[in-house]
N, C-alpha and C. Protein backbone atom coordinates (compact mmCIF):
# COMPACT_ATOMS: atom_id res chain seq x y z
N MET A 1 0.88 -1.21 0.01
CA MET A 1 0.00 0.00 -0.03
C MET A 1 0.91 1.25 0.01
N PHE A 2 0.62 2.21 -0.86
CA PHE A 2 1.51 3.37 -0.95
C PHE A 2 1.17 4.29 0.20
N ASP A 3 2.23 4.87 0.74
CA ASP A 3 2.19 5.82 1.90
C ASP A 3 1.90 7.22 1.32
N VAL A 4 0.76 7.40 0.74
CA VAL A 4 0.42 8.73 0.06
C VAL A 4 0.37 9.84 1.13
N SER A 5 -0.07 9.48 2.34
CA SER A 5 -0.25 10.51 3.35
C SER A 5 1.10 11.24 3.69
N ALA A 6 2.17 10.51 3.48
CA ALA A 6 3.49 11.12 3.86
C ALA A 6 3.78 12.34 2.91
N VAL A 7 3.16 12.36 1.77
CA VAL A 7 3.42 13.38 0.79
C VAL A 7 2.52 14.55 1.07
N PHE A 8 1.31 14.45 1.55
CA PHE A 8 0.28 15.45 1.54
C PHE A 8 0.00 15.96 3.00
N THR A 9 0.68 15.47 4.01
CA THR A 9 0.39 15.92 5.38
C THR A 9 1.52 16.78 5.82
N SER A 10 2.06 16.60 7.07
CA SER A 10 2.97 17.55 7.61
C SER A 10 4.34 17.47 6.92
N TYR A 11 4.58 16.41 6.07
CA TYR A 11 5.87 16.39 5.39
C TYR A 11 5.89 17.32 4.14
N ALA A 12 4.72 17.73 3.66
CA ALA A 12 4.66 18.56 2.46
C ALA A 12 5.59 19.77 2.53
N GLY A 13 5.66 20.44 3.70
CA GLY A 13 6.49 21.60 3.84
C GLY A 13 7.94 21.30 3.78
N ALA A 14 8.32 20.04 4.04
CA ALA A 14 9.76 19.63 4.06
C ALA A 14 10.21 19.21 2.71
N LEU A 15 9.32 18.93 1.75
CA LEU A 15 9.71 18.42 0.50
C LEU A 15 10.65 19.27 -0.30
N PRO A 16 10.44 20.54 -0.41
CA PRO A 16 11.43 21.39 -1.21
C PRO A 16 12.82 21.26 -0.60
N TYR A 17 12.94 21.31 0.73
CA TYR A 17 14.23 21.19 1.43
C TYR A 17 14.82 19.82 1.15
N ARG A 18 14.02 18.79 1.15
CA ARG A 18 14.55 17.41 0.94
C ARG A 18 15.07 17.23 -0.46
N PHE A 19 14.33 17.71 -1.43
CA PHE A 19 14.83 17.56 -2.80
C PHE A 19 16.03 18.33 -3.08
N LEU A 20 16.10 19.51 -2.52
CA LEU A 20 17.44 20.31 -2.65
C LEU A 20 18.51 19.55 -1.93
N ALA A 21 18.28 19.07 -0.78
CA ALA A 21 19.28 18.35 -0.01
C ALA A 21 19.76 17.08 -0.73
N MET A 22 18.75 16.46 -1.33
CA MET A 22 19.02 15.16 -2.03
C MET A 22 19.94 15.41 -3.17
N ILE A 23 19.70 16.52 -3.90
CA ILE A 23 20.53 16.82 -5.12
C ILE A 23 22.00 17.07 -4.68
N VAL A 24 22.19 17.85 -3.58
CA VAL A 24 23.50 18.15 -3.06
C VAL A 24 24.23 16.90 -2.58
N VAL A 25 23.50 16.08 -1.81
CA VAL A 25 24.15 14.87 -1.23
C VAL A 25 24.45 13.87 -2.36
N MET A 26 23.68 13.82 -3.40
CA MET A 26 23.94 12.98 -4.51
C MET A 26 25.23 13.39 -5.22
N ALA A 27 25.54 14.76 -5.20
CA ALA A 27 26.71 15.25 -5.83
C ALA A 27 27.95 14.77 -5.02
N VAL A 28 27.80 14.81 -3.73
CA VAL A 28 28.89 14.43 -2.86
C VAL A 28 29.18 12.94 -3.01
N ALA A 29 28.13 12.10 -2.87
CA ALA A 29 28.35 10.63 -3.04
C ALA A 29 28.75 10.29 -4.43
N GLY A 30 28.16 10.92 -5.42
CA GLY A 30 28.52 10.68 -6.81
C GLY A 30 29.94 11.00 -7.18
N TRP A 31 30.50 11.98 -6.54
CA TRP A 31 31.91 12.24 -6.68
C TRP A 31 32.83 11.28 -5.95
N GLY A 32 32.38 11.01 -4.67
CA GLY A 32 33.19 10.17 -3.82
C GLY A 32 33.46 8.78 -4.24
N PHE A 33 32.35 8.11 -4.75
CA PHE A 33 32.54 6.69 -5.07
C PHE A 33 33.55 6.48 -6.23
N PRO A 34 33.42 7.24 -7.36
CA PRO A 34 34.44 7.01 -8.44
C PRO A 34 35.81 7.51 -8.02
N PHE A 35 35.90 8.46 -7.08
CA PHE A 35 37.22 8.84 -6.54
C PHE A 35 37.91 7.72 -5.92
N PHE A 36 37.18 6.97 -5.02
CA PHE A 36 37.82 5.86 -4.34
C PHE A 36 38.06 4.69 -5.35
N ILE A 37 37.18 4.57 -6.22
CA ILE A 37 37.27 3.44 -7.25
C ILE A 37 38.58 3.65 -8.05
N ARG A 38 38.83 4.96 -8.41
CA ARG A 38 40.08 5.24 -9.13
C ARG A 38 41.30 5.01 -8.31
N LEU A 39 41.25 5.42 -7.00
CA LEU A 39 42.40 5.18 -6.15
C LEU A 39 42.70 3.72 -5.98
N LEU A 40 41.73 2.85 -6.21
CA LEU A 40 41.92 1.45 -6.05
C LEU A 40 42.26 0.73 -7.41
N GLY A 41 42.40 1.54 -8.45
CA GLY A 41 42.95 0.97 -9.68
C GLY A 41 42.02 1.03 -10.93
N ASP A 42 40.69 1.41 -10.77
CA ASP A 42 39.80 1.42 -11.88
C ASP A 42 39.57 2.88 -12.29
N PRO A 43 40.07 3.40 -13.39
CA PRO A 43 39.84 4.80 -13.80
C PRO A 43 38.56 4.97 -14.61
N GLY A 44 37.86 3.82 -14.83
CA GLY A 44 36.69 3.87 -15.75
C GLY A 44 35.70 4.98 -15.44
N PRO A 45 35.18 5.06 -14.14
CA PRO A 45 34.15 6.10 -13.87
C PRO A 45 34.72 7.50 -14.10
N LYS A 46 35.96 7.73 -13.92
CA LYS A 46 36.46 9.06 -14.15
C LYS A 46 36.47 9.36 -15.62
N TYR A 47 36.80 8.38 -16.43
CA TYR A 47 36.76 8.54 -17.97
C TYR A 47 35.31 8.64 -18.42
N ASP A 48 34.36 8.12 -17.63
CA ASP A 48 32.96 8.23 -17.98
C ASP A 48 32.37 9.51 -17.60
N GLY A 49 33.21 10.39 -16.98
CA GLY A 49 32.72 11.69 -16.58
C GLY A 49 31.95 11.72 -15.23
N ARG A 50 32.14 10.64 -14.45
CA ARG A 50 31.41 10.53 -13.15
C ARG A 50 32.10 11.06 -12.00
N GLU A 51 33.46 11.32 -12.11
CA GLU A 51 34.19 11.87 -11.01
C GLU A 51 34.06 13.35 -10.98
N THR A 52 32.92 13.83 -10.67
CA THR A 52 32.57 15.22 -10.70
C THR A 52 31.52 15.54 -9.64
N MET A 53 31.45 16.83 -9.26
CA MET A 53 30.45 17.25 -8.26
C MET A 53 29.18 17.71 -8.99
N ASN A 54 29.09 17.58 -10.32
CA ASN A 54 27.97 18.01 -10.99
C ASN A 54 26.86 16.91 -10.71
N PRO A 55 25.81 17.29 -10.00
CA PRO A 55 24.68 16.31 -9.69
C PRO A 55 24.02 15.74 -10.89
N LEU A 56 23.95 16.47 -11.95
CA LEU A 56 23.31 15.96 -13.20
C LEU A 56 23.99 14.71 -13.70
N ARG A 57 25.28 14.54 -13.48
CA ARG A 57 25.98 13.38 -13.94
C ARG A 57 25.67 12.13 -13.13
N HIS A 58 25.10 12.34 -11.95
CA HIS A 58 24.82 11.25 -11.06
C HIS A 58 23.32 11.02 -10.81
N LEU A 59 22.48 11.86 -11.46
CA LEU A 59 21.11 11.88 -11.18
C LEU A 59 20.36 10.62 -11.72
N ASP A 60 19.70 9.97 -10.75
CA ASP A 60 18.78 8.84 -11.06
C ASP A 60 17.39 9.32 -10.60
N TRP A 61 16.45 9.54 -11.54
CA TRP A 61 15.20 10.08 -11.21
C TRP A 61 14.50 9.30 -10.15
N GLY A 62 14.59 7.97 -10.19
CA GLY A 62 13.88 7.17 -9.11
C GLY A 62 14.54 7.46 -7.76
N GLY A 63 15.88 7.59 -7.82
CA GLY A 63 16.60 7.77 -6.50
C GLY A 63 16.27 9.19 -5.93
N LEU A 64 16.16 10.20 -6.89
CA LEU A 64 15.78 11.56 -6.52
C LEU A 64 14.34 11.61 -5.88
N LEU A 65 13.38 10.98 -6.52
CA LEU A 65 12.05 10.94 -6.09
C LEU A 65 11.92 10.23 -4.69
N ALA A 66 12.52 9.09 -4.60
CA ALA A 66 12.47 8.27 -3.38
C ALA A 66 13.21 9.04 -2.23
N GLY A 67 14.37 9.71 -2.59
CA GLY A 67 15.01 10.42 -1.57
C GLY A 67 14.32 11.67 -1.09
N GLY A 68 13.73 12.47 -2.07
CA GLY A 68 13.05 13.73 -1.72
C GLY A 68 11.80 13.41 -0.95
N ILE A 69 11.07 12.31 -1.26
CA ILE A 69 9.80 12.04 -0.59
C ILE A 69 9.93 11.17 0.59
N PHE A 70 10.75 10.12 0.49
CA PHE A 70 10.80 9.13 1.53
C PHE A 70 12.14 9.01 2.23
N ARG A 71 13.14 9.84 1.78
CA ARG A 71 14.46 9.94 2.43
C ARG A 71 15.33 8.84 2.08
N ILE A 72 14.94 7.87 1.23
CA ILE A 72 15.77 6.75 0.83
C ILE A 72 16.13 6.96 -0.58
N GLY A 73 17.33 7.49 -0.86
CA GLY A 73 17.75 7.76 -2.27
C GLY A 73 19.04 7.13 -2.68
N TRP A 74 19.32 7.27 -3.94
CA TRP A 74 20.50 6.65 -4.53
C TRP A 74 20.97 7.40 -5.79
N VAL A 75 22.19 7.19 -6.12
CA VAL A 75 22.68 7.84 -7.41
C VAL A 75 22.63 6.81 -8.50
N LYS A 76 22.83 7.31 -9.73
CA LYS A 76 22.86 6.40 -10.90
C LYS A 76 24.00 5.46 -10.78
N PRO A 77 23.84 4.15 -10.99
CA PRO A 77 24.88 3.18 -10.80
C PRO A 77 26.10 3.48 -11.72
N PHE A 78 27.24 2.94 -11.35
CA PHE A 78 28.48 3.24 -12.08
C PHE A 78 28.93 2.05 -12.85
N ASN A 79 29.71 2.33 -13.89
CA ASN A 79 30.27 1.24 -14.70
C ASN A 79 31.65 0.91 -14.07
N VAL A 80 31.74 -0.05 -13.16
CA VAL A 80 32.97 -0.41 -12.42
C VAL A 80 33.52 -1.61 -13.09
N ARG A 81 34.82 -1.74 -13.01
CA ARG A 81 35.55 -2.91 -13.52
C ARG A 81 36.37 -3.55 -12.45
N PRO A 82 35.77 -4.45 -11.73
CA PRO A 82 36.44 -5.11 -10.55
C PRO A 82 37.79 -5.77 -10.84
N GLU A 83 37.97 -6.28 -12.13
CA GLU A 83 39.18 -6.95 -12.44
C GLU A 83 40.34 -5.97 -12.53
N GLN A 84 40.09 -4.68 -12.63
CA GLN A 84 41.13 -3.70 -12.62
C GLN A 84 41.48 -3.10 -11.29
N MET A 85 40.68 -3.54 -10.33
CA MET A 85 40.74 -2.94 -8.94
C MET A 85 41.61 -3.86 -8.00
N ARG A 86 42.33 -3.21 -7.20
CA ARG A 86 43.06 -3.93 -6.17
C ARG A 86 42.06 -4.55 -5.16
N GLY A 87 42.15 -5.89 -5.05
CA GLY A 87 41.21 -6.54 -4.09
C GLY A 87 39.88 -7.00 -4.70
N GLY A 88 39.64 -6.63 -5.94
CA GLY A 88 38.39 -7.06 -6.53
C GLY A 88 37.16 -6.62 -5.75
N VAL A 89 36.38 -7.56 -5.37
CA VAL A 89 35.12 -7.30 -4.56
C VAL A 89 35.45 -6.59 -3.26
N PHE A 90 36.57 -6.88 -2.68
CA PHE A 90 36.89 -6.20 -1.39
C PHE A 90 37.28 -4.75 -1.69
N GLY A 91 37.86 -4.51 -2.90
CA GLY A 91 38.14 -3.14 -3.30
C GLY A 91 36.87 -2.34 -3.39
N ILE A 92 35.82 -2.93 -3.92
CA ILE A 92 34.54 -2.25 -4.02
C ILE A 92 33.98 -1.99 -2.71
N VAL A 93 34.12 -2.90 -1.75
CA VAL A 93 33.61 -2.74 -0.36
C VAL A 93 34.35 -1.55 0.27
N VAL A 94 35.67 -1.47 0.09
CA VAL A 94 36.42 -0.38 0.61
C VAL A 94 35.92 1.01 -0.05
N ALA A 95 35.67 0.97 -1.30
CA ALA A 95 35.15 2.25 -1.98
C ALA A 95 33.82 2.65 -1.42
N VAL A 96 32.92 1.65 -1.19
CA VAL A 96 31.64 1.93 -0.61
C VAL A 96 31.82 2.55 0.81
N LEU A 97 32.66 1.89 1.62
CA LEU A 97 32.79 2.41 3.02
C LEU A 97 33.44 3.79 3.00
N GLY A 98 34.35 3.99 2.08
CA GLY A 98 35.04 5.27 2.00
C GLY A 98 33.97 6.35 1.60
N THR A 99 33.13 6.08 0.66
CA THR A 99 32.09 7.06 0.30
C THR A 99 31.10 7.30 1.41
N VAL A 100 30.74 6.26 2.08
CA VAL A 100 29.83 6.40 3.28
C VAL A 100 30.48 7.33 4.34
N LEU A 101 31.71 7.08 4.64
CA LEU A 101 32.39 7.92 5.68
C LEU A 101 32.50 9.38 5.18
N LEU A 102 32.72 9.60 3.86
CA LEU A 102 32.75 10.90 3.32
C LEU A 102 31.40 11.61 3.42
N VAL A 103 30.37 10.91 3.16
CA VAL A 103 28.98 11.48 3.24
C VAL A 103 28.69 11.79 4.70
N LEU A 104 29.05 10.93 5.65
CA LEU A 104 28.88 11.15 7.04
C LEU A 104 29.64 12.38 7.54
N LEU A 105 30.85 12.51 7.10
CA LEU A 105 31.62 13.70 7.44
C LEU A 105 30.99 14.94 6.90
N PHE A 106 30.41 14.92 5.71
CA PHE A 106 29.64 16.09 5.20
C PHE A 106 28.46 16.34 6.10
N ALA A 107 27.83 15.34 6.66
CA ALA A 107 26.69 15.53 7.61
C ALA A 107 27.19 16.24 8.87
N VAL A 108 28.36 15.87 9.41
CA VAL A 108 28.90 16.52 10.58
C VAL A 108 29.24 17.97 10.32
N LEU A 109 29.82 18.22 9.19
CA LEU A 109 30.22 19.64 8.90
C LEU A 109 28.96 20.50 8.75
N LEU A 110 27.90 19.96 8.07
CA LEU A 110 26.64 20.74 7.97
C LEU A 110 26.10 20.96 9.31
N ASN A 111 26.11 19.95 10.14
CA ASN A 111 25.47 20.11 11.50
C ASN A 111 26.20 21.23 12.28
N ALA A 112 27.56 21.27 12.12
CA ALA A 112 28.34 22.30 12.82
C ALA A 112 28.11 23.67 12.15
N LEU A 113 27.77 23.70 10.93
CA LEU A 113 27.58 25.00 10.23
C LEU A 113 26.19 25.63 10.65
N ALA A 114 25.20 24.81 10.94
CA ALA A 114 23.87 25.37 11.22
C ALA A 114 23.87 26.36 12.43
N PRO A 115 24.45 26.05 13.57
CA PRO A 115 24.36 27.11 14.58
C PRO A 115 25.20 28.37 14.30
N MET A 116 26.23 28.19 13.48
CA MET A 116 27.03 29.34 13.08
C MET A 116 26.17 30.26 12.18
N LEU A 117 25.43 29.67 11.28
CA LEU A 117 24.55 30.47 10.52
C LEU A 117 23.43 31.16 11.34
N LEU A 118 22.96 30.41 12.25
CA LEU A 118 21.92 30.98 13.17
C LEU A 118 22.45 32.19 13.93
N GLY A 119 23.69 32.03 14.45
CA GLY A 119 24.34 33.09 15.20
C GLY A 119 24.64 34.26 14.30
N ALA A 120 25.03 34.03 13.09
CA ALA A 120 25.41 35.14 12.15
C ALA A 120 24.19 35.85 11.62
N LEU A 121 23.15 35.12 11.31
CA LEU A 121 22.00 35.73 10.67
C LEU A 121 20.76 35.91 11.56
N GLY A 122 20.85 35.35 12.75
CA GLY A 122 19.78 35.52 13.76
C GLY A 122 18.51 34.88 13.28
N GLY A 123 17.43 35.47 13.64
CA GLY A 123 16.10 34.92 13.22
C GLY A 123 15.54 35.45 11.94
N SER A 124 16.37 35.96 11.08
CA SER A 124 15.92 36.48 9.82
C SER A 124 15.37 35.30 8.99
N LEU A 125 14.56 35.65 7.97
CA LEU A 125 13.95 34.64 7.10
C LEU A 125 15.07 33.91 6.36
N ARG A 126 16.13 34.66 5.91
CA ARG A 126 17.17 34.04 5.22
C ARG A 126 17.97 33.08 6.11
N GLY A 127 18.16 33.48 7.39
CA GLY A 127 18.82 32.71 8.34
C GLY A 127 18.12 31.36 8.61
N GLN A 128 16.80 31.50 8.76
CA GLN A 128 15.93 30.28 9.05
C GLN A 128 15.98 29.32 7.83
N TYR A 129 15.99 29.89 6.65
CA TYR A 129 16.00 29.06 5.40
C TYR A 129 17.38 28.34 5.36
N LEU A 130 18.45 28.97 5.61
CA LEU A 130 19.75 28.37 5.49
C LEU A 130 20.00 27.37 6.59
N VAL A 131 19.54 27.71 7.81
CA VAL A 131 19.77 26.64 8.87
C VAL A 131 18.92 25.46 8.59
N ARG A 132 17.69 25.62 8.18
CA ARG A 132 16.84 24.43 7.84
C ARG A 132 17.46 23.65 6.66
N SER A 133 17.99 24.39 5.72
CA SER A 133 18.62 23.66 4.59
C SER A 133 19.79 22.85 5.04
N ALA A 134 20.67 23.41 5.91
CA ALA A 134 21.87 22.73 6.37
C ALA A 134 21.48 21.48 7.17
N ARG A 135 20.44 21.63 8.00
CA ARG A 135 20.03 20.57 8.88
C ARG A 135 19.41 19.37 8.02
N THR A 136 18.67 19.79 7.01
CA THR A 136 18.02 18.86 6.14
C THR A 136 19.11 18.06 5.29
N MET A 137 20.10 18.81 4.82
CA MET A 137 21.21 18.15 4.17
C MET A 137 21.96 17.20 5.05
N SER A 138 22.15 17.55 6.24
CA SER A 138 22.85 16.68 7.27
C SER A 138 22.05 15.42 7.49
N GLU A 139 20.71 15.61 7.68
CA GLU A 139 19.80 14.48 7.84
C GLU A 139 19.83 13.56 6.61
N MET A 140 19.74 14.10 5.42
CA MET A 140 19.65 13.34 4.28
C MET A 140 21.01 12.66 3.97
N SER A 141 22.10 13.25 4.39
CA SER A 141 23.42 12.59 4.26
C SER A 141 23.44 11.26 5.03
N VAL A 142 22.91 11.32 6.24
CA VAL A 142 22.97 10.10 7.08
C VAL A 142 22.03 9.04 6.47
N TRP A 143 20.91 9.44 5.95
CA TRP A 143 19.99 8.47 5.31
C TRP A 143 20.65 7.85 4.12
N LEU A 144 21.24 8.65 3.28
CA LEU A 144 21.90 8.09 2.09
C LEU A 144 23.11 7.19 2.40
N ALA A 145 23.85 7.61 3.49
CA ALA A 145 24.98 6.72 3.91
C ALA A 145 24.48 5.34 4.36
N VAL A 146 23.42 5.32 5.12
CA VAL A 146 22.89 4.05 5.70
C VAL A 146 22.32 3.12 4.58
N VAL A 147 21.41 3.78 3.73
CA VAL A 147 20.73 2.89 2.80
C VAL A 147 21.70 2.35 1.69
N ASN A 148 22.77 3.09 1.45
CA ASN A 148 23.68 2.69 0.38
C ASN A 148 24.64 1.60 0.86
N LEU A 149 24.45 1.11 2.06
CA LEU A 149 25.21 0.00 2.61
C LEU A 149 24.45 -1.29 2.23
N ILE A 150 23.27 -1.18 1.82
CA ILE A 150 22.47 -2.39 1.42
C ILE A 150 22.99 -2.93 0.14
N PRO A 151 23.43 -4.23 0.19
CA PRO A 151 24.12 -4.83 -1.01
C PRO A 151 23.20 -5.19 -2.15
N LEU A 152 22.34 -4.34 -2.63
CA LEU A 152 21.44 -4.53 -3.74
C LEU A 152 21.56 -3.35 -4.63
N PRO A 153 21.59 -3.58 -5.97
CA PRO A 153 21.50 -2.44 -6.93
C PRO A 153 20.15 -1.82 -6.84
N PRO A 154 20.06 -0.49 -6.95
CA PRO A 154 21.11 0.40 -7.47
C PRO A 154 21.88 1.09 -6.33
N PHE A 155 21.80 0.63 -5.04
CA PHE A 155 22.60 1.17 -4.01
C PHE A 155 24.14 1.00 -4.28
N LEU A 156 24.95 1.81 -3.66
CA LEU A 156 26.38 1.71 -3.97
C LEU A 156 26.93 0.30 -3.57
N ALA A 157 26.47 -0.26 -2.46
CA ALA A 157 27.00 -1.53 -2.00
C ALA A 157 26.59 -2.62 -3.00
N GLY A 158 25.54 -2.35 -3.85
CA GLY A 158 25.09 -3.28 -4.87
C GLY A 158 26.14 -3.54 -5.92
N HIS A 159 27.12 -2.62 -6.01
CA HIS A 159 28.19 -2.81 -7.00
C HIS A 159 29.04 -4.04 -6.72
N VAL A 160 28.92 -4.69 -5.55
CA VAL A 160 29.73 -5.87 -5.27
C VAL A 160 29.32 -6.98 -6.26
N TRP A 161 28.05 -6.85 -6.84
CA TRP A 161 27.65 -7.95 -7.68
C TRP A 161 28.36 -7.82 -9.13
N SER A 162 28.95 -6.70 -9.36
CA SER A 162 29.81 -6.62 -10.57
C SER A 162 30.95 -7.54 -10.54
N ALA A 163 31.40 -7.95 -9.28
CA ALA A 163 32.51 -8.84 -9.13
C ALA A 163 32.01 -10.26 -8.86
N LEU A 164 30.91 -10.33 -8.11
CA LEU A 164 30.40 -11.62 -7.66
C LEU A 164 29.66 -12.33 -8.80
N TRP A 165 28.99 -11.58 -9.61
CA TRP A 165 28.15 -12.17 -10.74
C TRP A 165 28.24 -11.28 -11.96
N PRO A 166 29.42 -11.34 -12.61
CA PRO A 166 29.70 -10.36 -13.76
C PRO A 166 28.69 -10.48 -14.85
N MET A 167 28.19 -11.65 -15.17
CA MET A 167 27.28 -11.80 -16.36
C MET A 167 25.90 -11.15 -15.96
N GLY A 168 25.51 -11.37 -14.71
CA GLY A 168 24.20 -10.74 -14.25
C GLY A 168 24.39 -9.24 -14.17
N TRP A 169 25.48 -8.74 -13.76
CA TRP A 169 25.70 -7.29 -13.71
C TRP A 169 25.79 -6.67 -15.05
N LYS A 170 26.38 -7.39 -16.00
CA LYS A 170 26.41 -6.92 -17.38
C LYS A 170 25.06 -6.81 -17.99
N TRP A 171 24.22 -7.74 -17.73
CA TRP A 171 22.79 -7.71 -18.19
C TRP A 171 22.08 -6.56 -17.55
N LEU A 172 22.31 -6.36 -16.23
CA LEU A 172 21.57 -5.33 -15.54
C LEU A 172 22.06 -3.95 -15.87
N SER A 173 23.36 -3.82 -16.26
CA SER A 173 23.92 -2.52 -16.58
C SER A 173 23.25 -1.87 -17.80
N LEU A 174 22.60 -2.71 -18.64
CA LEU A 174 21.84 -2.19 -19.71
C LEU A 174 20.40 -1.85 -19.41
N ARG A 175 20.04 -2.18 -18.14
CA ARG A 175 18.63 -1.98 -17.69
C ARG A 175 18.57 -1.48 -16.25
N PHE A 176 19.45 -0.54 -15.88
CA PHE A 176 19.49 -0.03 -14.57
C PHE A 176 18.22 0.67 -14.14
N TRP A 177 17.39 1.07 -15.15
CA TRP A 177 16.06 1.62 -14.86
C TRP A 177 15.14 0.64 -14.10
N LEU A 178 15.41 -0.67 -14.34
CA LEU A 178 14.51 -1.72 -13.74
C LEU A 178 14.64 -1.78 -12.24
N PRO A 179 15.88 -2.00 -11.64
CA PRO A 179 15.91 -1.97 -10.16
C PRO A 179 15.58 -0.68 -9.63
N SER A 180 15.83 0.41 -10.30
CA SER A 180 15.44 1.73 -9.82
C SER A 180 13.93 1.85 -9.65
N LEU A 181 13.25 1.36 -10.63
CA LEU A 181 11.77 1.41 -10.60
C LEU A 181 11.24 0.47 -9.53
N ILE A 182 11.81 -0.72 -9.44
CA ILE A 182 11.29 -1.66 -8.45
C ILE A 182 11.52 -1.19 -7.03
N LEU A 183 12.74 -0.54 -6.80
CA LEU A 183 13.06 -0.06 -5.53
C LEU A 183 12.21 1.15 -5.12
N LEU A 184 11.90 2.03 -6.20
CA LEU A 184 11.05 3.21 -5.90
C LEU A 184 9.67 2.75 -5.47
N ILE A 185 9.14 1.67 -6.09
CA ILE A 185 7.79 1.14 -5.67
C ILE A 185 7.87 0.54 -4.26
N ALA A 186 9.03 -0.16 -3.95
CA ALA A 186 9.17 -0.77 -2.67
C ALA A 186 9.25 0.34 -1.49
N VAL A 187 10.06 1.36 -1.81
CA VAL A 187 10.24 2.47 -0.89
C VAL A 187 8.92 3.18 -0.62
N ALA A 188 8.15 3.29 -1.67
CA ALA A 188 6.85 4.03 -1.46
C ALA A 188 5.90 3.31 -0.53
N SER A 189 6.15 2.05 -0.24
CA SER A 189 5.26 1.32 0.70
C SER A 189 5.49 1.84 2.15
N GLY A 190 6.58 2.47 2.40
CA GLY A 190 6.85 3.03 3.69
C GLY A 190 7.60 2.09 4.64
N LEU A 191 7.65 0.85 4.31
CA LEU A 191 8.17 -0.17 5.24
C LEU A 191 9.70 0.02 5.38
N LEU A 192 10.47 0.22 4.31
CA LEU A 192 11.89 0.37 4.46
C LEU A 192 12.24 1.60 5.32
N THR A 193 11.54 2.68 5.13
CA THR A 193 11.81 3.86 5.96
C THR A 193 11.52 3.53 7.41
N GLU A 194 10.45 2.84 7.67
CA GLU A 194 10.08 2.55 9.05
C GLU A 194 11.17 1.63 9.74
N TRP A 195 11.71 0.68 8.90
CA TRP A 195 12.74 -0.28 9.45
C TRP A 195 14.02 0.48 9.74
N LEU A 196 14.32 1.41 8.84
CA LEU A 196 15.65 2.02 8.94
C LEU A 196 15.63 3.27 9.90
N MET A 197 14.51 3.76 10.19
CA MET A 197 14.46 5.01 11.00
C MET A 197 15.15 4.89 12.34
N PRO A 198 14.94 3.74 13.13
CA PRO A 198 15.70 3.66 14.39
C PRO A 198 17.24 3.65 14.27
N LEU A 199 17.68 2.97 13.19
CA LEU A 199 19.12 2.84 12.96
C LEU A 199 19.64 4.32 12.57
N VAL A 200 18.96 4.97 11.72
CA VAL A 200 19.38 6.32 11.37
C VAL A 200 19.41 7.26 12.50
N ASN A 201 18.37 7.26 13.28
CA ASN A 201 18.29 8.15 14.46
C ASN A 201 19.41 7.76 15.50
N ALA A 202 19.62 6.52 15.66
CA ALA A 202 20.69 6.09 16.62
C ALA A 202 22.05 6.57 16.16
N LEU A 203 22.25 6.45 14.87
CA LEU A 203 23.60 6.96 14.32
C LEU A 203 23.67 8.43 14.41
N ARG A 204 22.64 9.21 14.15
CA ARG A 204 22.67 10.61 14.33
C ARG A 204 22.90 11.06 15.71
N GLU A 205 22.27 10.35 16.66
CA GLU A 205 22.44 10.52 18.06
C GLU A 205 23.86 10.27 18.51
N ALA A 206 24.41 9.19 17.99
CA ALA A 206 25.85 8.85 18.33
C ALA A 206 26.84 9.82 17.79
N MET A 207 26.48 10.40 16.68
CA MET A 207 27.37 11.41 16.07
C MET A 207 27.16 12.80 16.58
N GLY A 208 26.12 12.94 17.47
CA GLY A 208 25.87 14.28 18.01
C GLY A 208 25.15 15.15 17.03
N LEU A 209 24.41 14.63 16.10
CA LEU A 209 23.71 15.39 15.11
C LEU A 209 22.35 15.78 15.55
N TRP A 210 21.87 16.91 15.03
CA TRP A 210 20.56 17.44 15.28
C TRP A 210 19.52 16.36 14.77
N ILE A 211 18.47 16.13 15.64
CA ILE A 211 17.43 15.18 15.25
C ILE A 211 16.16 15.94 15.38
N GLU A 212 15.34 15.82 14.26
CA GLU A 212 14.06 16.46 14.17
C GLU A 212 13.13 15.89 15.16
N SER A 213 12.44 16.67 16.04
CA SER A 213 11.46 16.20 17.00
C SER A 213 10.18 15.79 16.31
């Protein structure tokens, strides 16, 4: 059953902030993963134009919609070559963990920036907008970091299948819209958000991040 109420109730006011935050966080994660992949020996994503902070290069419409509405988002999958990487599948795991840590560091920096903006701009409308934007980006960063540890495409950890099942990954690489569509439908049920919420909030609390009441 689709969780339509999440779109049209109290969450409606948060949607513009979430979509903006999702685009920014996608840019960070989209740059980070190919950066680590290249360090581990595969320059392919860099040559594909993916080692960039331009969010349009990483945009997956299903991931943007799911992230903006339900907080569970992902970037467009990458064309990785595990045979060129040091460690093969373990190299992919290292690249995923490096990207997750990068995104979490981004969340910490944004969380630290919010009170500075509040102090500098006070209660002005611009100040309120910037503080809420920073906090939403911090929140969305944690969500993206957590969900992309799930070893299923199109999440970042799903790239392990490019090493574990090369033929299946090759077939899927021509149809990446399919897992994105399936996952978007699954996320819309609201169950994945409900299951992950305690983990995300526990992580944000452990990191000392602001948590929406």
